[in-house]
C-alpha cells in the first residue's frame, strides 16, 4: 500500500483521525501468525461475528457504569506516586 513512500522527498502533513487499533486488518499483516490466521476467510468471519457480539455488550451506557464504579477505587492510586508522576491529572 506504499505507506510513507514519499516521506523523504515530500513532506505532507496529515492529521490522523483514527487511532492505530482502528485502522483495520492491515495492521496485522506484518505478523506471521496473524497473516496465517487472517488468510482464512472463515477466521475473518469468526472475528467479525465476535466483534458484532461484543459491540452489543460493550456499550456507552455499560462503559459509563463501569467507569463510575471503578473511579472511586482507581482514583486513590493514580493520584499518588508513582502514577501521578507520569499522568497528566490533578
PDB file of N, CA and C in Angstrom:
ATOM      1  N   UNK A   1       0.817  -1.190   0.000  1.00  0.00           N
ATOM      2  CA  UNK A   1       0.000   0.000   0.000  1.00  0.00           C
ATOM      3  C   UNK A   1       0.865   1.259   0.000  1.00  0.00           C
ATOM      4  N   UNK A   2       2.181   1.127   0.077  1.00  0.00           N
ATOM      5  CA  UNK A   2       3.143   2.212  -0.081  1.00  0.00           C
ATOM      6  C   UNK A   2       3.006   3.333   0.954  1.00  0.00           C
ATOM      7  N   UNK A   3       2.621   2.942   2.178  1.00  0.00           N
ATOM      8  CA  UNK A   3       2.505   3.935   3.251  1.00  0.00           C
ATOM      9  C   UNK A   3       3.852   4.605   3.481  1.00  0.00           C
ATOM     10  N   UNK A   4       3.887   5.903   3.486  1.00  0.00           N
ATOM     11  CA  UNK A   4       5.107   6.642   3.767  1.00  0.00           C
ATOM     12  C   UNK A   4       6.137   6.584   2.661  1.00  0.00           C
ATOM     13  N   UNK A   5       5.734   6.175   1.467  1.00  0.00           N
ATOM     14  CA  UNK A   5       6.668   6.020   0.359  1.00  0.00           C
ATOM     15  C   UNK A   5       7.357   7.302  -0.053  1.00  0.00           C
ATOM     16  N   UNK A   6       6.727   8.424   0.147  1.00  0.00           N
ATOM     17  CA  UNK A   6       7.307   9.713  -0.265  1.00  0.00           C
ATOM     18  C   UNK A   6       7.810  10.510   0.930  1.00  0.00           C
ATOM     19  N   UNK A   7       7.937   9.864   2.071  1.00  0.00           N
ATOM     20  CA  UNK A   7       8.247  10.614   3.283  1.00  0.00           C
ATOM     21  C   UNK A   7       9.600  11.323   3.252  1.00  0.00           C
ATOM     22  N   UNK A   8      10.564  10.850   2.468  1.00  0.00           N
ATOM     23  CA  UNK A   8      11.868  11.500   2.460  1.00  0.00           C
ATOM     24  C   UNK A   8      11.920  12.676   1.495  1.00  0.00           C
ATOM     25  N   UNK A   9      11.129  12.627   0.423  1.00  0.00           N
ATOM     26  CA  UNK A   9      11.224  13.695  -0.562  1.00  0.00           C
ATOM     27  C   UNK A   9      10.050  14.663  -0.534  1.00  0.00           C
ATOM     28  N   UNK A  10       8.947  14.259   0.038  1.00  0.00           N
ATOM     29  CA  UNK A  10       7.763  15.103   0.044  1.00  0.00           C
ATOM     30  C   UNK A  10       7.171  15.098   1.440  1.00  0.00           C
ATOM     31  N   UNK A  11       7.194  16.252   2.077  1.00  0.00           N
ATOM     32  CA  UNK A  11       6.653  16.349   3.422  1.00  0.00           C
ATOM     33  C   UNK A  11       5.191  16.775   3.336  1.00  0.00           C
ATOM     34  N   UNK A  12       4.322  15.857   3.695  1.00  0.00           N
ATOM     35  CA  UNK A  12       2.896  16.146   3.691  1.00  0.00           C
ATOM     36  C   UNK A  12       2.391  15.943   5.102  1.00  0.00           C
ATOM     37  N   UNK A  13       1.790  16.973   5.646  1.00  0.00           N
ATOM     38  CA  UNK A  13       1.253  16.858   6.981  1.00  0.00           C
ATOM     39  C   UNK A  13      -0.156  16.303   6.903  1.00  0.00           C
ATOM     40  N   UNK A  14      -0.366  15.250   7.646  1.00  0.00           N
ATOM     41  CA  UNK A  14      -1.703  14.671   7.710  1.00  0.00           C
ATOM     42  C   UNK A  14      -2.120  14.581   9.162  1.00  0.00           C
ATOM     43  N   UNK A  15      -3.381  14.737   9.376  1.00  0.00           N
ATOM     44  CA  UNK A  15      -3.911  14.624  10.728  1.00  0.00           C
ATOM     45  C   UNK A  15      -4.554  13.245  10.841  1.00  0.00           C
ATOM     46  N   UNK A  16      -4.025  12.443  11.754  1.00  0.00           N
ATOM     47  CA  UNK A  16      -4.573  11.111  11.962  1.00  0.00           C
ATOM     48  C   UNK A  16      -5.932  11.237  12.639  1.00  0.00           C
ATOM     49  N   UNK A  17      -6.926  10.653  12.028  1.00  0.00           N
ATOM     50  CA  UNK A  17      -8.270  10.711  12.569  1.00  0.00           C
ATOM     51  C   UNK A  17      -8.537   9.515  13.477  1.00  0.00           C
ATOM     52  N   UNK A  18      -7.998   8.359  13.103  1.00  0.00           N
ATOM     53  CA  UNK A  18      -8.241   7.141  13.860  1.00  0.00           C
ATOM     54  C   UNK A  18      -6.992   6.692  14.606  1.00  0.00           C
ATOM     55  N   UNK A  19      -7.157   6.130  15.785  1.00  0.00           N
ATOM     56  CA  UNK A  19      -6.008   5.529  16.457  1.00  0.00           C
ATOM     57  C   UNK A  19      -5.584   4.273  15.698  1.00  0.00           C
ATOM     58  N   UNK A  20      -4.338   3.814  15.902  1.00  0.00           N
ATOM     59  CA  UNK A  20      -3.805   2.664  15.176  1.00  0.00           C
ATOM     60  C   UNK A  20      -4.712   1.445  15.245  1.00  0.00           C
ATOM     61  N   UNK A  21      -5.284   1.181  16.410  1.00  0.00           N
ATOM     62  CA  UNK A  21      -6.071  -0.040  16.568  1.00  0.00           C
ATOM     63  C   UNK A  21      -7.359  -0.014  15.760  1.00  0.00           C
ATOM     64  N   UNK A  22      -7.750   1.138  15.237  1.00  0.00           N
ATOM     65  CA  UNK A  22      -8.971   1.237  14.444  1.00  0.00           C
ATOM     66  C   UNK A  22      -8.703   1.324  12.952  1.00  0.00           C
ATOM     67  N   UNK A  23      -7.469   1.191  12.541  1.00  0.00           N
ATOM     68  CA  UNK A  23      -7.147   1.384  11.124  1.00  0.00           C
ATOM     69  C   UNK A  23      -7.376   0.150  10.267  1.00  0.00           C
ATOM     70  N   UNK A  24      -7.774  -0.937  10.868  1.00  0.00           N
ATOM     71  CA  UNK A  24      -8.163  -2.087  10.073  1.00  0.00           C
ATOM     72  C   UNK A  24      -7.221  -3.261  10.140  1.00  0.00           C
ATOM     73  N   UNK A  25      -7.582  -4.265   9.394  1.00  0.00           N
ATOM     74  CA  UNK A  25      -6.900  -5.546   9.390  1.00  0.00           C
ATOM     75  C   UNK A  25      -5.461  -5.463   8.903  1.00  0.00           C
ATOM     76  N   UNK A  26      -5.154  -4.497   8.063  1.00  0.00           N
ATOM     77  CA  UNK A  26      -3.804  -4.401   7.503  1.00  0.00           C
ATOM     78  C   UNK A  26      -2.739  -4.187   8.577  1.00  0.00           C
ATOM     79  N   UNK A  27      -3.122  -3.702   9.754  1.00  0.00           N
ATOM     80  CA  UNK A  27      -2.153  -3.528  10.843  1.00  0.00           C
ATOM     81  C   UNK A  27      -1.520  -4.841  11.260  1.00  0.00           C
ATOM     82  N   UNK A  28      -2.185  -5.950  11.006  1.00  0.00           N
ATOM     83  CA  UNK A  28      -1.727  -7.248  11.494  1.00  0.00           C
ATOM     84  C   UNK A  28      -1.002  -8.069  10.441  1.00  0.00           C
ATOM     85  N   UNK A  29      -0.911  -7.599   9.217  1.00  0.00           N
ATOM     86  CA  UNK A  29      -0.282  -8.367   8.145  1.00  0.00           C
ATOM     87  C   UNK A  29       1.199  -8.598   8.377  1.00  0.00           C
ATOM     88  N   UNK A  30       1.850  -7.759   9.144  1.00  0.00           N
ATOM     89  CA  UNK A  30       3.282  -7.900   9.377  1.00  0.00           C
ATOM     90  C   UNK A  30       3.654  -9.070  10.274  1.00  0.00           C
ATOM     91  N   UNK A  31       2.717  -9.559  11.064  1.00  0.00           N
ATOM     92  CA  UNK A  31       2.990 -10.684  11.966  1.00  0.00           C
ATOM     93  C   UNK A  31       2.610 -11.990  11.271  1.00  0.00           C
ATOM     94  N   UNK A  32       3.539 -12.937  11.244  1.00  0.00           N
ATOM     95  CA  UNK A  32       3.321 -14.202  10.537  1.00  0.00           C
ATOM     96  C   UNK A  32       2.082 -14.924  11.061  1.00  0.00           C
ATOM     97  N   UNK A  33       1.940 -14.999  12.375  1.00  0.00           N
ATOM     98  CA  UNK A  33       0.793 -15.685  12.958  1.00  0.00           C
ATOM     99  C   UNK A  33      -0.515 -15.039  12.516  1.00  0.00           C
ATOM    100  N   UNK A  34      -0.582 -13.724  12.597  1.00  0.00           N
ATOM    101  CA  UNK A  34      -1.793 -13.012  12.197  1.00  0.00           C
ATOM    102  C   UNK A  34      -2.066 -13.186  10.713  1.00  0.00           C
ATOM    103  N   UNK A  35      -1.023 -13.113   9.919  1.00  0.00           N
ATOM    104  CA  UNK A  35      -1.185 -13.264   8.470  1.00  0.00           C
ATOM    105  C   UNK A  35      -1.793 -14.633   8.144  1.00  0.00           C
ATOM    106  N   UNK A  36      -1.267 -15.671   8.791  1.00  0.00           N
ATOM    107  CA  UNK A  36      -1.805 -17.022   8.566  1.00  0.00           C
ATOM    108  C   UNK A  36      -3.263 -17.104   9.000  1.00  0.00           C
ATOM    109  N   UNK A  37      -3.556 -16.556  10.148  1.00  0.00           N
ATOM    110  CA  UNK A  37      -4.915 -16.624  10.680  1.00  0.00           C
ATOM    111  C   UNK A  37      -5.902 -15.902   9.771  1.00  0.00           C
ATOM    112  N   UNK A  38      -5.563 -14.688   9.378  1.00  0.00           N
ATOM    113  CA  UNK A  38      -6.493 -13.884   8.594  1.00  0.00           C
ATOM    114  C   UNK A  38      -6.537 -14.266   7.115  1.00  0.00           C
ATOM    115  N   UNK A  39      -5.652 -15.128   6.687  1.00  0.00           N
ATOM    116  CA  UNK A  39      -5.682 -15.606   5.318  1.00  0.00           C
ATOM    117  C   UNK A  39      -6.911 -16.488   5.072  1.00  0.00           C
ATOM    118  N   UNK A  40      -7.409 -17.100   6.134  1.00  0.00           N
ATOM    119  CA  UNK A  40      -8.578 -17.974   6.029  1.00  0.00           C
ATOM    120  C   UNK A  40      -9.848 -17.136   6.211  1.00  0.00           C
ATOM    121  N   UNK A  41     -10.682 -17.060   5.185  1.00  0.00           N
ATOM    122  CA  UNK A  41     -11.905 -16.256   5.286  1.00  0.00           C
ATOM    123  C   UNK A  41     -12.818 -16.665   6.445  1.00  0.00           C
ATOM    124  N   UNK A  42     -12.769 -17.940   6.845  1.00  0.00           N
ATOM    125  CA  UNK A  42     -13.589 -18.380   7.981  1.00  0.00           C
ATOM    126  C   UNK A  42     -13.147 -17.691   9.267  1.00  0.00           C
ATOM    127  N   UNK A  43     -11.857 -17.491   9.419  1.00  0.00           N
ATOM    128  CA  UNK A  43     -11.350 -16.810  10.611  1.00  0.00           C
ATOM    129  C   UNK A  43     -11.737 -15.340  10.611  1.00  0.00           C
ATOM    130  N   UNK A  44     -11.696 -14.721   9.457  1.00  0.00           N
ATOM    131  CA  UNK A  44     -12.105 -13.314   9.351  1.00  0.00           C
ATOM    132  C   UNK A  44     -13.580 -13.185   9.704  1.00  0.00           C
ATOM    133  N   UNK A  45     -14.381 -14.123   9.206  1.00  0.00           N
ATOM    134  CA  UNK A  45     -15.813 -14.112   9.507  1.00  0.00           C
ATOM    135  C   UNK A  45     -16.050 -14.338  11.005  1.00  0.00           C
ATOM    136  N   UNK A  46     -15.311 -15.275  11.607  1.00  0.00           N
ATOM    137  CA  UNK A  46     -15.457 -15.534  13.050  1.00  0.00           C
ATOM    138  C   UNK A  46     -15.099 -14.294  13.860  1.00  0.00           C
ATOM    139  N   UNK A  47     -14.030 -13.611  13.457  1.00  0.00           N
ATOM    140  CA  UNK A  47     -13.639 -12.384  14.150  1.00  0.00           C
ATOM    141  C   UNK A  47     -14.714 -11.317  13.988  1.00  0.00           C
ATOM    142  N   UNK A  48     -15.237 -11.174  12.795  1.00  0.00           N
ATOM    143  CA  UNK A  48     -16.296 -10.185  12.552  1.00  0.00           C
ATOM    144  C   UNK A  48     -17.518 -10.468  13.418  1.00  0.00           C
ATOM    145  N   UNK A  49     -17.884 -11.731  13.513  1.00  0.00           N
ATOM    146  CA  UNK A  49     -19.037 -12.096  14.350  1.00  0.00           C
ATOM    147  C   UNK A  49     -18.770 -11.778  15.817  1.00  0.00           C
ATOM    148  N   UNK A  50     -17.553 -12.055  16.285  1.00  0.00           N
ATOM    149  CA  UNK A  50     -17.210 -11.769  17.682  1.00  0.00           C
ATOM    150  C   UNK A  50     -17.260 -10.265  17.950  1.00  0.00           C
ATOM    151  N   UNK A  51     -16.767  -9.482  17.005  1.00  0.00           N
ATOM    152  CA  UNK A  51     -16.809  -8.024  17.167  1.00  0.00           C
ATOM    153  C   UNK A  51     -18.253  -7.540  17.233  1.00  0.00           C
ATOM    154  N   UNK A  52     -19.107  -8.081  16.370  1.00  0.00           N
ATOM    155  CA  UNK A  52     -20.527  -7.720  16.408  1.00  0.00           C
ATOM    156  C   UNK A  52     -21.156  -8.104  17.750  1.00  0.00           C
ATOM    157  N   UNK A  53     -20.821  -9.279  18.242  1.00  0.00           N
ATOM    158  CA  UNK A  53     -21.335  -9.744  19.531  1.00  0.00           C
ATOM    159  C   UNK A  53     -20.894  -8.810  20.657  1.00  0.00           C
ATOM    160  N   UNK A  54     -19.623  -8.480  20.672  1.00  0.00           N
ATOM    161  CA  UNK A  54     -19.097  -7.618  21.731  1.00  0.00           C
ATOM    162  C   UNK A  54     -19.639  -6.196  21.638  1.00  0.00           C
ATOM    163  N   UNK A  55     -19.906  -5.730  20.421  1.00  0.00           N
ATOM    164  CA  UNK A  55     -20.414  -4.364  20.282  1.00  0.00           C
ATOM    165  C   UNK A  55     -21.816  -4.218  20.869  1.00  0.00           C
ATOM    166  N   UNK A  56     -22.512  -5.325  21.051  1.00  0.00           N
ATOM    167  CA  UNK A  56     -23.827  -5.278  21.700  1.00  0.00           C
ATOM    168  C   UNK A  56     -23.699  -5.285  23.223  1.00  0.00           C
ATOM    169  N   UNK A  57     -22.567  -5.782  23.706  1.00  0.00           N
ATOM    170  CA  UNK A  57     -22.327  -5.862  25.150  1.00  0.00           C
ATOM    171  C   UNK A  57     -21.594  -4.621  25.643  1.00  0.00           C
ATOM    172  N   UNK A  58     -20.580  -4.205  24.902  1.00  0.00           N
ATOM    173  CA  UNK A  58     -19.764  -3.055  25.295  1.00  0.00           C
ATOM    174  C   UNK A  58     -20.405  -1.802  24.711  1.00  0.00           C
ATOM    175  N   UNK A  59     -21.261  -1.198  25.494  1.00  0.00           N
ATOM    176  CA  UNK A  59     -21.992  -0.013  25.058  1.00  0.00           C
ATOM    177  C   UNK A  59     -21.511   1.199  25.845  1.00  0.00           C
ATOM    178  N   UNK A  60     -21.884   2.364  25.389  1.00  0.00           N
ATOM    179  CA  UNK A  60     -21.533   3.589  26.126  1.00  0.00           C
ATOM    180  C   UNK A  60     -22.137   3.561  27.520  1.00  0.00           C
ATOM    181  N   UNK A  61     -23.368   3.088  27.616  1.00  0.00           N
ATOM    182  CA  UNK A  61     -24.045   3.035  28.914  1.00  0.00           C
ATOM    183  C   UNK A  61     -23.321   2.078  29.866  1.00  0.00           C
ATOM    184  N   UNK A  62     -22.953   0.890  29.378  1.00  0.00           N
ATOM    185  CA  UNK A  62     -22.257  -0.092  30.215  1.00  0.00           C
ATOM    186  C   UNK A  62     -20.869   0.403  30.600  1.00  0.00           C
ATOM    187  N   UNK A  63     -20.182   1.030  29.653  1.00  0.00           N
ATOM    188  CA  UNK A  63     -18.847   1.557  29.927  1.00  0.00           C
ATOM    189  C   UNK A  63     -18.922   2.645  30.999  1.00  0.00           C
ATOM    190  N   UNK A  64     -19.901   3.532  30.892  1.00  0.00           N
ATOM    191  CA  UNK A  64     -20.067   4.584  31.907  1.00  0.00           C
ATOM    192  C   UNK A  64     -20.345   3.972  33.267  1.00  0.00           C
ATOM    193  N   UNK A  65     -21.150   2.930  33.302  1.00  0.00           N
ATOM    194  CA  UNK A  65     -21.450   2.256  34.570  1.00  0.00           C
ATOM    195  C   UNK A  65     -20.164   1.719  35.197  1.00  0.00           C
ATOM    196  N   UNK A  66     -19.341   1.049  34.391  1.00  0.00           N
ATOM    197  CA  UNK A  66     -18.076   0.525  34.910  1.00  0.00           C
ATOM    198  C   UNK A  66     -17.163   1.646  35.392  1.00  0.00           C
ATOM    199  N   UNK A  67     -17.060   2.705  34.590  1.00  0.00           N
ATOM    200  CA  UNK A  67     -16.192   3.818  34.984  1.00  0.00           C
ATOM    201  C   UNK A  67     -16.651   4.451  36.285  1.00  0.00           C
ATOM    202  N   UNK A  68     -17.943   4.625  36.423  1.00  0.00           N
ATOM    203  CA  UNK A  68     -18.474   5.206  37.659  1.00  0.00           C
ATOM    204  C   UNK A  68     -18.189   4.313  38.871  1.00  0.00           C
ATOM    205  N   UNK A  69     -18.225   2.995  38.662  1.00  0.00           N
ATOM    206  CA  UNK A  69     -17.956   2.063  39.759  1.00  0.00           C
ATOM    207  C   UNK A  69     -16.465   2.016  40.100  1.00  0.00           C
ATOM    208  N   UNK A  70     -15.617   2.051  39.084  1.00  0.00           N
ATOM    209  CA  UNK A  70     -14.173   1.897  39.298  1.00  0.00           C
ATOM    210  C   UNK A  70     -13.492   3.187  39.736  1.00  0.00           C
ATOM    211  N   UNK A  71     -14.059   4.325  39.388  1.00  0.00           N
ATOM    212  CA  UNK A  71     -13.393   5.604  39.655  1.00  0.00           C
ATOM    213  C   UNK A  71     -12.997   5.785  41.119  1.00  0.00           C
ATOM    214  N   UNK A  72     -13.896   5.566  42.061  1.00  0.00           N
ATOM    215  CA  UNK A  72     -13.506   5.789  43.467  1.00  0.00           C
ATOM    216  C   UNK A  72     -12.315   4.936  43.904  1.00  0.00           C
ATOM    217  N   UNK A  73     -12.217   3.740  43.410  1.00  0.00           N
ATOM    218  CA  UNK A  73     -11.120   2.853  43.784  1.00  0.00           C
ATOM    219  C   UNK A  73      -9.831   3.260  43.087  1.00  0.00           C
ATOM    220  N   UNK A  74      -9.905   3.424  41.788  1.00  0.00           N
ATOM    221  CA  UNK A  74      -8.714   3.691  40.974  1.00  0.00           C
ATOM    222  C   UNK A  74      -8.153   5.083  41.246  1.00  0.00           C
ATOM    223  N   UNK A  75      -9.014   6.059  41.453  1.00  0.00           N
ATOM    224  CA  UNK A  75      -8.537   7.437  41.625  1.00  0.00           C
ATOM    225  C   UNK A  75      -7.610   7.579  42.831  1.00  0.00           C
ATOM    226  N   UNK A  76      -7.805   6.786  43.861  1.00  0.00           N
ATOM    227  CA  UNK A  76      -6.918   6.839  45.026  1.00  0.00           C
ATOM    228  C   UNK A  76      -5.481   6.499  44.665  1.00  0.00           C
ATOM    229  N   UNK A  77      -5.330   5.571  43.740  1.00  0.00           N
ATOM    230  CA  UNK A  77      -3.993   5.109  43.366  1.00  0.00           C
ATOM    231  C   UNK A  77      -3.326   6.003  42.332  1.00  0.00           C
ATOM    232  N   UNK A  78      -4.073   6.480  41.353  1.00  0.00           N
ATOM    233  CA  UNK A  78      -3.447   7.288  40.301  1.00  0.00           C
ATOM    234  C   UNK A  78      -3.131   8.703  40.751  1.00  0.00           C
ATOM    235  N   UNK A  79      -3.659   9.095  41.888  1.00  0.00           N
ATOM    236  CA  UNK A  79      -3.386  10.442  42.393  1.00  0.00           C
ATOM    237  C   UNK A  79      -2.193  10.496  43.328  1.00  0.00           C
ATOM    238  N   UNK A  80      -1.467   9.373  43.450  1.00  0.00           N
ATOM    239  CA  UNK A  80      -0.255   9.380  44.255  1.00  0.00           C
ATOM    240  C   UNK A  80       0.864   8.674  43.489  1.00  0.00           C
ATOM    241  N   UNK A  81       2.090   8.905  43.930  1.00  0.00           N
ATOM    242  CA  UNK A  81       3.252   8.328  43.250  1.00  0.00           C
ATOM    243  C   UNK A  81       3.181   6.812  43.276  1.00  0.00           C
ATOM    244  N   UNK A  82       3.674   6.177  42.269  1.00  0.00           N
ATOM    245  CA  UNK A  82       4.367   6.728  41.113  1.00  0.00           C
ATOM    246  C   UNK A  82       3.438   7.139  39.971  1.00  0.00           C
ATOM    247  N   UNK A  83       2.148   6.761  40.031  1.00  0.00           N
ATOM    248  CA  UNK A  83       1.260   7.054  38.910  1.00  0.00           C
ATOM    249  C   UNK A  83       1.117   8.540  38.625  1.00  0.00           C
ATOM    250  N   UNK A  84       0.916   9.346  39.668  1.00  0.00           N
ATOM    251  CA  UNK A  84       0.700  10.772  39.444  1.00  0.00           C
ATOM    252  C   UNK A  84       1.906  11.438  38.785  1.00  0.00           C
ATOM    253  N   UNK A  85       3.081  10.828  38.925  1.00  0.00           N
ATOM    254  CA  UNK A  85       4.284  11.399  38.334  1.00  0.00           C
ATOM    255  C   UNK A  85       4.319  11.231  36.807  1.00  0.00           C
ATOM    256  N   UNK A  86       3.491  10.331  36.302  1.00  0.00           N
ATOM    257  CA  UNK A  86       3.513  10.037  34.871  1.00  0.00           C
ATOM    258  C   UNK A  86       2.176  10.288  34.194  1.00  0.00           C
ATOM    259  N   UNK A  87       1.204  10.765  34.932  1.00  0.00           N
ATOM    260  CA  UNK A  87      -0.110  11.040  34.355  1.00  0.00           C
ATOM    261  C   UNK A  87      -0.401  12.526  34.429  1.00  0.00           C
ATOM    262  N   UNK A  88      -1.093  13.024  33.448  1.00  0.00           N
ATOM    263  CA  UNK A  88      -1.440  14.438  33.413  1.00  0.00           C
ATOM    264  C   UNK A  88      -2.802  14.630  34.082  1.00  0.00           C
ATOM    265  N   UNK A  89      -2.813  14.429  35.407  1.00  0.00           N
ATOM    266  CA  UNK A  89      -4.054  14.604  36.169  1.00  0.00           C
ATOM    267  C   UNK A  89      -3.766  15.472  37.384  1.00  0.00           C
ATOM    268  N   UNK A  90      -4.811  15.987  37.943  1.00  0.00           N
ATOM    269  CA  UNK A  90      -4.667  16.833  39.131  1.00  0.00           C
ATOM    270  C   UNK A  90      -5.277  16.144  40.315  1.00  0.00           C
TER     271      UNK A  90
END
